[in-house]
């Protein structure tokens, strides 16, 4: 599979594509570098062969659009660059992927938003069940809910640097119900649900109920 670049304003659709790609690899062979990653750490991962010589999936989220010092042409694992915005067509990185890789653009459309679901989770509101159903009607499943729940929990710990003021304010209010110990407990519980689903020990519908229920219990 050629190196892949995903970009565009439709973040839900591009995130869904990322999930589909991840499911093609063993969990131990998926490495995600979030925005602000250390380039040397990526190069170190590239230089470290995977156990059993299996190909790795390396995902770089919102990397610098100037990767002139990044050895794209010598990359042997499956590389995916994911941007939560449109990358200018004149950027050298776009030109490189046009010639040597594949580009998927996700234009803005009337896609359903995941944020009402996340807001309902943070509020401990039972409406989260209805919001989850709307997302399922659009083709999203429990694995998407899990990834976005991790996204919520990370943001409750540290507000993203580029978050708009209204988002930063909302997160600040939501944190009042989420002391650090509760966030750690929820993170562990969601990881456990993910493991049980992938091990065939739990049905997806059951996991969906348990995931939401962890939040609406309103634990201190």
C-alpha atoms as a PDB file:
ATOM      1  CA  UNK A   1       0.000   0.000   0.000  1.00  0.00           C
ATOM      2  CA  UNK A   2       1.344   3.423  -0.954  1.00  0.00           C
ATOM      3  CA  UNK A   3       1.952   6.190   1.602  1.00  0.00           C
ATOM      4  CA  UNK A   4      -1.362   7.894   2.283  1.00  0.00           C
ATOM      5  CA  UNK A   5      -2.237  11.512   3.026  1.00  0.00           C
ATOM      6  CA  UNK A   6      -5.683  12.333   4.427  1.00  0.00           C
ATOM      7  CA  UNK A   7      -6.802  15.943   4.653  1.00  0.00           C
ATOM      8  CA  UNK A   8      -9.861  18.170   4.522  1.00  0.00           C
ATOM      9  CA  UNK A   9     -12.357  19.817   6.882  1.00  0.00           C
ATOM     10  CA  UNK A  10     -14.619  16.748   7.249  1.00  0.00           C
ATOM     11  CA  UNK A  11     -12.792  15.373  10.280  1.00  0.00           C
ATOM     12  CA  UNK A  12     -15.390  12.764  11.174  1.00  0.00           C
ATOM     13  CA  UNK A  13     -15.144  11.109   7.772  1.00  0.00           C
ATOM     14  CA  UNK A  14     -11.349  11.190   7.755  1.00  0.00           C
ATOM     15  CA  UNK A  15     -11.235   9.780  11.298  1.00  0.00           C
ATOM     16  CA  UNK A  16     -13.517   6.991  10.158  1.00  0.00           C
ATOM     17  CA  UNK A  17     -11.058   6.183   7.372  1.00  0.00           C
ATOM     18  CA  UNK A  18      -8.245   6.054   9.929  1.00  0.00           C
ATOM     19  CA  UNK A  19     -10.208   3.534  11.982  1.00  0.00           C
ATOM     20  CA  UNK A  20     -10.729   1.358   8.922  1.00  0.00           C
ATOM     21  CA  UNK A  21      -6.990   1.417   8.246  1.00  0.00           C
ATOM     22  CA  UNK A  22      -6.133   0.556  11.854  1.00  0.00           C
ATOM     23  CA  UNK A  23      -8.408  -2.474  11.788  1.00  0.00           C
ATOM     24  CA  UNK A  24      -6.268  -3.982   9.010  1.00  0.00           C
ATOM     25  CA  UNK A  25      -3.280  -4.171  11.358  1.00  0.00           C
ATOM     26  CA  UNK A  26      -2.574  -5.928  14.627  1.00  0.00           C
ATOM     27  CA  UNK A  27      -2.995  -3.481  17.518  1.00  0.00           C
ATOM     28  CA  UNK A  28       0.661  -3.910  18.499  1.00  0.00           C
ATOM     29  CA  UNK A  29       1.733  -2.790  15.029  1.00  0.00           C
ATOM     30  CA  UNK A  30      -0.154   0.534  15.038  1.00  0.00           C
ATOM     31  CA  UNK A  31       1.839   3.575  16.167  1.00  0.00           C
ATOM     32  CA  UNK A  32       0.168   6.992  16.364  1.00  0.00           C
ATOM     33  CA  UNK A  33       2.146  10.224  16.732  1.00  0.00           C
ATOM     34  CA  UNK A  34      -0.144  13.058  17.789  1.00  0.00           C
ATOM     35  CA  UNK A  35       0.276  16.708  16.875  1.00  0.00           C
ATOM     36  CA  UNK A  36       3.546  18.167  18.137  1.00  0.00           C
ATOM     37  CA  UNK A  37       5.391  14.846  17.965  1.00  0.00           C
ATOM     38  CA  UNK A  38       9.179  14.623  18.045  1.00  0.00           C
ATOM     39  CA  UNK A  39      10.506  13.849  14.567  1.00  0.00           C
ATOM     40  CA  UNK A  40      13.403  11.892  16.074  1.00  0.00           C
ATOM     41  CA  UNK A  41      10.914   9.599  17.825  1.00  0.00           C
ATOM     42  CA  UNK A  42       9.329   8.823  14.455  1.00  0.00           C
ATOM     43  CA  UNK A  43      12.708   8.105  12.907  1.00  0.00           C
ATOM     44  CA  UNK A  44      13.511   5.842  15.857  1.00  0.00           C
ATOM     45  CA  UNK A  45      10.300   3.888  15.305  1.00  0.00           C
ATOM     46  CA  UNK A  46      11.158   3.537  11.622  1.00  0.00           C
ATOM     47  CA  UNK A  47      14.576   2.150  12.516  1.00  0.00           C
ATOM     48  CA  UNK A  48      13.170  -0.378  14.998  1.00  0.00           C
ATOM     49  CA  UNK A  49      11.864  -3.501  13.232  1.00  0.00           C
ATOM     50  CA  UNK A  50       8.488  -4.809  14.366  1.00  0.00           C
ATOM     51  CA  UNK A  51       8.361  -8.121  16.215  1.00  0.00           C
ATOM     52  CA  UNK A  52       7.748 -11.071  13.892  1.00  0.00           C
ATOM     53  CA  UNK A  53       8.815  -8.764  11.022  1.00  0.00           C
ATOM     54  CA  UNK A  54       5.245  -7.595  10.518  1.00  0.00           C
ATOM     55  CA  UNK A  55       4.617  -4.313   8.758  1.00  0.00           C
ATOM     56  CA  UNK A  56       3.675  -1.402  11.004  1.00  0.00           C
ATOM     57  CA  UNK A  57       1.077   1.294  10.477  1.00  0.00           C
ATOM     58  CA  UNK A  58       2.618   4.664  11.354  1.00  0.00           C
ATOM     59  CA  UNK A  59       0.143   7.555  11.663  1.00  0.00           C
ATOM     60  CA  UNK A  60       1.349  11.147  11.920  1.00  0.00           C
ATOM     61  CA  UNK A  61      -1.417  13.504  13.053  1.00  0.00           C
ATOM     62  CA  UNK A  62      -1.161  17.121  11.905  1.00  0.00           C
ATOM     63  CA  UNK A  63       2.557  16.955  11.091  1.00  0.00           C
ATOM     64  CA  UNK A  64       4.427  19.948   9.764  1.00  0.00           C
ATOM     65  CA  UNK A  65       3.448  20.574   6.166  1.00  0.00           C
ATOM     66  CA  UNK A  66       7.154  21.039   5.490  1.00  0.00           C
ATOM     67  CA  UNK A  67       8.647  17.561   5.789  1.00  0.00           C
ATOM     68  CA  UNK A  68      11.697  18.271   3.661  1.00  0.00           C
ATOM     69  CA  UNK A  69      13.934  16.565   6.230  1.00  0.00           C
ATOM     70  CA  UNK A  70      11.701  13.514   6.545  1.00  0.00           C
ATOM     71  CA  UNK A  71      12.891  10.447   4.545  1.00  0.00           C
ATOM     72  CA  UNK A  72       9.529   9.666   2.947  1.00  0.00           C
ATOM     73  CA  UNK A  73      11.090   7.784   0.051  1.00  0.00           C
ATOM     74  CA  UNK A  74      12.902   5.312   2.326  1.00  0.00           C
ATOM     75  CA  UNK A  75       9.910   4.526   4.532  1.00  0.00           C
ATOM     76  CA  UNK A  76       9.165   0.784   4.456  1.00  0.00           C
ATOM     77  CA  UNK A  77       6.187   0.606   6.836  1.00  0.00           C
ATOM     78  CA  UNK A  78       2.693   1.823   5.981  1.00  0.00           C
ATOM     79  CA  UNK A  79       2.735   5.578   6.495  1.00  0.00           C
ATOM     80  CA  UNK A  80      -0.378   7.729   6.914  1.00  0.00           C
ATOM     81  CA  UNK A  81      -0.354  11.505   7.321  1.00  0.00           C
ATOM     82  CA  UNK A  82      -3.622  12.851   8.757  1.00  0.00           C
ATOM     83  CA  UNK A  83      -4.534  16.533   8.737  1.00  0.00           C
ATOM     84  CA  UNK A  84      -7.674  18.023  10.318  1.00  0.00           C
ATOM     85  CA  UNK A  85      -7.696  20.744   7.651  1.00  0.00           C
ATOM     86  CA  UNK A  86      -7.085  21.226   3.947  1.00  0.00           C
ATOM     87  CA  UNK A  87      -3.433  21.278   2.934  1.00  0.00           C
ATOM     88  CA  UNK A  88      -2.586  23.826   0.241  1.00  0.00           C
ATOM     89  CA  UNK A  89      -2.273  22.101  -3.130  1.00  0.00           C
ATOM     90  CA  UNK A  90       0.955  24.011  -3.807  1.00  0.00           C
ATOM     91  CA  UNK A  91       2.737  22.515  -0.819  1.00  0.00           C
ATOM     92  CA  UNK A  92       5.702  20.264  -1.754  1.00  0.00           C
ATOM     93  CA  UNK A  93       4.250  17.506   0.413  1.00  0.00           C
ATOM     94  CA  UNK A  94       1.136  17.400  -1.783  1.00  0.00           C
ATOM     95  CA  UNK A  95       3.297  17.224  -4.896  1.00  0.00           C
ATOM     96  CA  UNK A  96       5.301  14.365  -3.397  1.00  0.00           C
ATOM     97  CA  UNK A  97       2.197  12.343  -2.516  1.00  0.00           C
ATOM     98  CA  UNK A  98       0.709  12.933  -5.963  1.00  0.00           C
ATOM     99  CA  UNK A  99       3.767  11.282  -7.501  1.00  0.00           C
ATOM    100  CA  UNK A 100       4.645   8.659  -4.905  1.00  0.00           C
ATOM    101  CA  UNK A 101       1.614   8.043  -2.735  1.00  0.00           C
ATOM    102  CA  UNK A 102      -2.130   8.511  -2.501  1.00  0.00           C
ATOM    103  CA  UNK A 103      -4.177  11.511  -1.380  1.00  0.00           C
ATOM    104  CA  UNK A 104      -7.694  11.340   0.037  1.00  0.00           C
ATOM    105  CA  UNK A 105      -9.524  14.652   0.435  1.00  0.00           C
ATOM    106  CA  UNK A 106     -12.558  14.927   2.714  1.00  0.00           C
ATOM    107  CA  UNK A 107     -14.625  17.993   1.740  1.00  0.00           C
ATOM    108  CA  UNK A 108     -16.929  19.700   4.185  1.00  0.00           C
ATOM    109  CA  UNK A 109     -20.466  18.392   3.975  1.00  0.00           C
ATOM    110  CA  UNK A 110     -23.517  17.793   6.126  1.00  0.00           C
ATOM    111  CA  UNK A 111     -21.921  14.960   8.074  1.00  0.00           C
ATOM    112  CA  UNK A 112     -23.249  14.302  11.541  1.00  0.00           C
ATOM    113  CA  UNK A 113     -21.092  15.794  14.296  1.00  0.00           C
ATOM    114  CA  UNK A 114     -19.602  13.672  17.063  1.00  0.00           C
ATOM    115  CA  UNK A 115     -19.418  16.575  19.513  1.00  0.00           C
ATOM    116  CA  UNK A 116     -23.023  16.423  20.792  1.00  0.00           C
ATOM    117  CA  UNK A 117     -22.271  12.798  21.728  1.00  0.00           C
ATOM    118  CA  UNK A 118     -19.059  13.765  23.534  1.00  0.00           C
ATOM    119  CA  UNK A 119     -20.783  16.682  25.276  1.00  0.00           C
ATOM    120  CA  UNK A 120     -23.529  14.338  26.471  1.00  0.00           C
ATOM    121  CA  UNK A 121     -20.922  11.917  27.817  1.00  0.00           C
ATOM    122  CA  UNK A 122     -19.136  14.700  29.679  1.00  0.00           C
ATOM    123  CA  UNK A 123     -22.455  15.896  31.134  1.00  0.00           C
ATOM    124  CA  UNK A 124     -23.469  12.386  32.201  1.00  0.00           C
ATOM    125  CA  UNK A 125     -26.628  12.846  30.123  1.00  0.00           C
ATOM    126  CA  UNK A 126     -28.626   9.833  28.939  1.00  0.00           C
ATOM    127  CA  UNK A 127     -29.087  11.633  25.624  1.00  0.00           C
ATOM    128  CA  UNK A 128     -25.695  10.115  24.793  1.00  0.00           C
ATOM    129  CA  UNK A 129     -27.548   6.918  23.852  1.00  0.00           C
ATOM    130  CA  UNK A 130     -29.594   8.824  21.257  1.00  0.00           C
ATOM    131  CA  UNK A 131     -26.530  10.644  19.955  1.00  0.00           C
ATOM    132  CA  UNK A 132     -24.716   7.331  19.608  1.00  0.00           C
ATOM    133  CA  UNK A 133     -27.604   5.946  17.573  1.00  0.00           C
ATOM    134  CA  UNK A 134     -27.420   8.916  15.187  1.00  0.00           C
ATOM    135  CA  UNK A 135     -23.742   8.215  14.641  1.00  0.00           C
ATOM    136  CA  UNK A 136     -24.458   4.523  14.085  1.00  0.00           C
ATOM    137  CA  UNK A 137     -27.066   5.456  11.482  1.00  0.00           C
ATOM    138  CA  UNK A 138     -24.245   7.249   9.635  1.00  0.00           C
ATOM    139  CA  UNK A 139     -22.104   4.111   9.662  1.00  0.00           C
ATOM    140  CA  UNK A 140     -19.935   4.686  12.737  1.00  0.00           C
ATOM    141  CA  UNK A 141     -19.423   1.911  15.274  1.00  0.00           C
ATOM    142  CA  UNK A 142     -18.100   1.255  18.768  1.00  0.00           C
ATOM    143  CA  UNK A 143     -14.472   1.563  17.669  1.00  0.00           C
ATOM    144  CA  UNK A 144     -15.120   5.131  16.550  1.00  0.00           C
ATOM    145  CA  UNK A 145     -16.863   5.857  19.877  1.00  0.00           C
ATOM    146  CA  UNK A 146     -13.840   4.482  21.735  1.00  0.00           C
ATOM    147  CA  UNK A 147     -11.331   6.578  19.774  1.00  0.00           C
ATOM    148  CA  UNK A 148     -13.360   9.753  20.259  1.00  0.00           C
ATOM    149  CA  UNK A 149     -13.874   8.972  23.960  1.00  0.00           C
ATOM    150  CA  UNK A 150     -10.098   8.817  24.335  1.00  0.00           C
ATOM    151  CA  UNK A 151      -9.989  12.158  22.507  1.00  0.00           C
ATOM    152  CA  UNK A 152     -12.431  13.617  25.058  1.00  0.00           C
ATOM    153  CA  UNK A 153     -10.488  12.267  28.033  1.00  0.00           C
ATOM    154  CA  UNK A 154      -7.182  13.632  26.724  1.00  0.00           C
ATOM    155  CA  UNK A 155      -8.756  17.050  26.223  1.00  0.00           C
ATOM    156  CA  UNK A 156     -10.120  16.965  29.765  1.00  0.00           C
ATOM    157  CA  UNK A 157      -6.542  16.575  30.975  1.00  0.00           C
ATOM    158  CA  UNK A 158      -4.943  19.191  28.710  1.00  0.00           C
ATOM    159  CA  UNK A 159      -6.745  21.689  26.481  1.00  0.00           C
ATOM    160  CA  UNK A 160      -5.394  21.538  22.893  1.00  0.00           C
ATOM    161  CA  UNK A 161      -3.193  24.528  22.102  1.00  0.00           C
ATOM    162  CA  UNK A 162      -5.217  25.476  19.025  1.00  0.00           C
ATOM    163  CA  UNK A 163      -8.631  25.081  20.685  1.00  0.00           C
ATOM    164  CA  UNK A 164     -11.033  28.006  20.077  1.00  0.00           C
ATOM    165  CA  UNK A 165     -11.902  30.054  23.156  1.00  0.00           C
ATOM    166  CA  UNK A 166     -15.418  28.617  23.436  1.00  0.00           C
ATOM    167  CA  UNK A 167     -14.011  25.067  23.361  1.00  0.00           C
ATOM    168  CA  UNK A 168     -11.423  25.894  26.030  1.00  0.00           C
ATOM    169  CA  UNK A 169     -14.178  27.370  28.202  1.00  0.00           C
ATOM    170  CA  UNK A 170     -16.393  24.330  27.730  1.00  0.00           C
ATOM    171  CA  UNK A 171     -13.571  21.965  28.690  1.00  0.00           C
ATOM    172  CA  UNK A 172     -12.854  24.046  31.780  1.00  0.00           C
ATOM    173  CA  UNK A 173     -16.480  23.669  32.902  1.00  0.00           C
ATOM    174  CA  UNK A 174     -16.524  19.954  32.119  1.00  0.00           C
ATOM    175  CA  UNK A 175     -13.378  19.345  34.194  1.00  0.00           C
ATOM    176  CA  UNK A 176     -15.297  20.167  37.358  1.00  0.00           C
ATOM    177  CA  UNK A 177     -16.887  16.703  37.121  1.00  0.00           C
ATOM    178  CA  UNK A 178     -13.687  14.930  36.139  1.00  0.00           C
ATOM    179  CA  UNK A 179     -10.926  14.824  38.743  1.00  0.00           C
ATOM    180  CA  UNK A 180      -7.747  13.233  37.424  1.00  0.00           C
ATOM    181  CA  UNK A 181      -8.367   9.933  39.212  1.00  0.00           C
ATOM    182  CA  UNK A 182     -11.738   9.560  37.507  1.00  0.00           C
ATOM    183  CA  UNK A 183     -10.188  10.273  34.113  1.00  0.00           C
ATOM    184  CA  UNK A 184      -7.532   7.615  34.748  1.00  0.00           C
ATOM    185  CA  UNK A 185     -10.207   5.122  35.785  1.00  0.00           C
ATOM    186  CA  UNK A 186     -12.325   5.854  32.715  1.00  0.00           C
ATOM    187  CA  UNK A 187      -9.313   5.557  30.419  1.00  0.00           C
ATOM    188  CA  UNK A 188      -8.491   2.161  31.908  1.00  0.00           C
ATOM    189  CA  UNK A 189     -12.113   0.992  31.656  1.00  0.00           C
ATOM    190  CA  UNK A 190     -12.404   2.024  28.004  1.00  0.00           C
ATOM    191  CA  UNK A 191      -9.117   0.279  27.172  1.00  0.00           C
ATOM    192  CA  UNK A 192     -10.508  -2.850  28.817  1.00  0.00           C
ATOM    193  CA  UNK A 193     -13.714  -2.628  26.775  1.00  0.00           C
ATOM    194  CA  UNK A 194     -11.647  -2.286  23.602  1.00  0.00           C
ATOM    195  CA  UNK A 195      -9.639  -5.383  24.519  1.00  0.00           C
ATOM    196  CA  UNK A 196     -12.743  -7.449  25.323  1.00  0.00           C
ATOM    197  CA  UNK A 197     -14.400  -6.539  22.013  1.00  0.00           C
ATOM    198  CA  UNK A 198     -11.322  -7.425  19.979  1.00  0.00           C
ATOM    199  CA  UNK A 199     -10.917 -10.662  21.940  1.00  0.00           C
ATOM    200  CA  UNK A 200     -14.497 -11.678  21.167  1.00  0.00           C
ATOM    201  CA  UNK A 201     -15.466 -11.579  24.846  1.00  0.00           C
ATOM    202  CA  UNK A 202     -17.994  -8.784  24.462  1.00  0.00           C
ATOM    203  CA  UNK A 203     -20.554  -7.906  21.794  1.00  0.00           C
ATOM    204  CA  UNK A 204     -20.315  -4.437  20.263  1.00  0.00           C
ATOM    205  CA  UNK A 205     -23.829  -3.487  21.432  1.00  0.00           C
ATOM    206  CA  UNK A 206     -22.976  -4.463  25.011  1.00  0.00           C
ATOM    207  CA  UNK A 207     -19.737  -2.500  24.869  1.00  0.00           C
ATOM    208  CA  UNK A 208     -21.564   0.566  23.573  1.00  0.00           C
ATOM    209  CA  UNK A 209     -23.997   0.445  26.507  1.00  0.00           C
ATOM    210  CA  UNK A 210     -21.204  -0.073  29.045  1.00  0.00           C
ATOM    211  CA  UNK A 211     -19.117   2.743  27.571  1.00  0.00           C
ATOM    212  CA  UNK A 212     -21.902   5.289  27.897  1.00  0.00           C
ATOM    213  CA  UNK A 213     -22.988   3.945  31.268  1.00  0.00           C
ATOM    214  CA  UNK A 214     -19.498   4.586  32.666  1.00  0.00           C
ATOM    215  CA  UNK A 215     -20.141   8.297  32.157  1.00  0.00           C
ATOM    216  CA  UNK A 216     -23.793   8.659  33.118  1.00  0.00           C
ATOM    217  CA  UNK A 217     -23.176   6.999  36.484  1.00  0.00           C
ATOM    218  CA  UNK A 218     -21.824  10.417  37.514  1.00  0.00           C
ATOM    219  CA  UNK A 219     -19.097   8.981  39.705  1.00  0.00           C
ATOM    220  CA  UNK A 220     -17.136  11.515  41.744  1.00  0.00           C
END
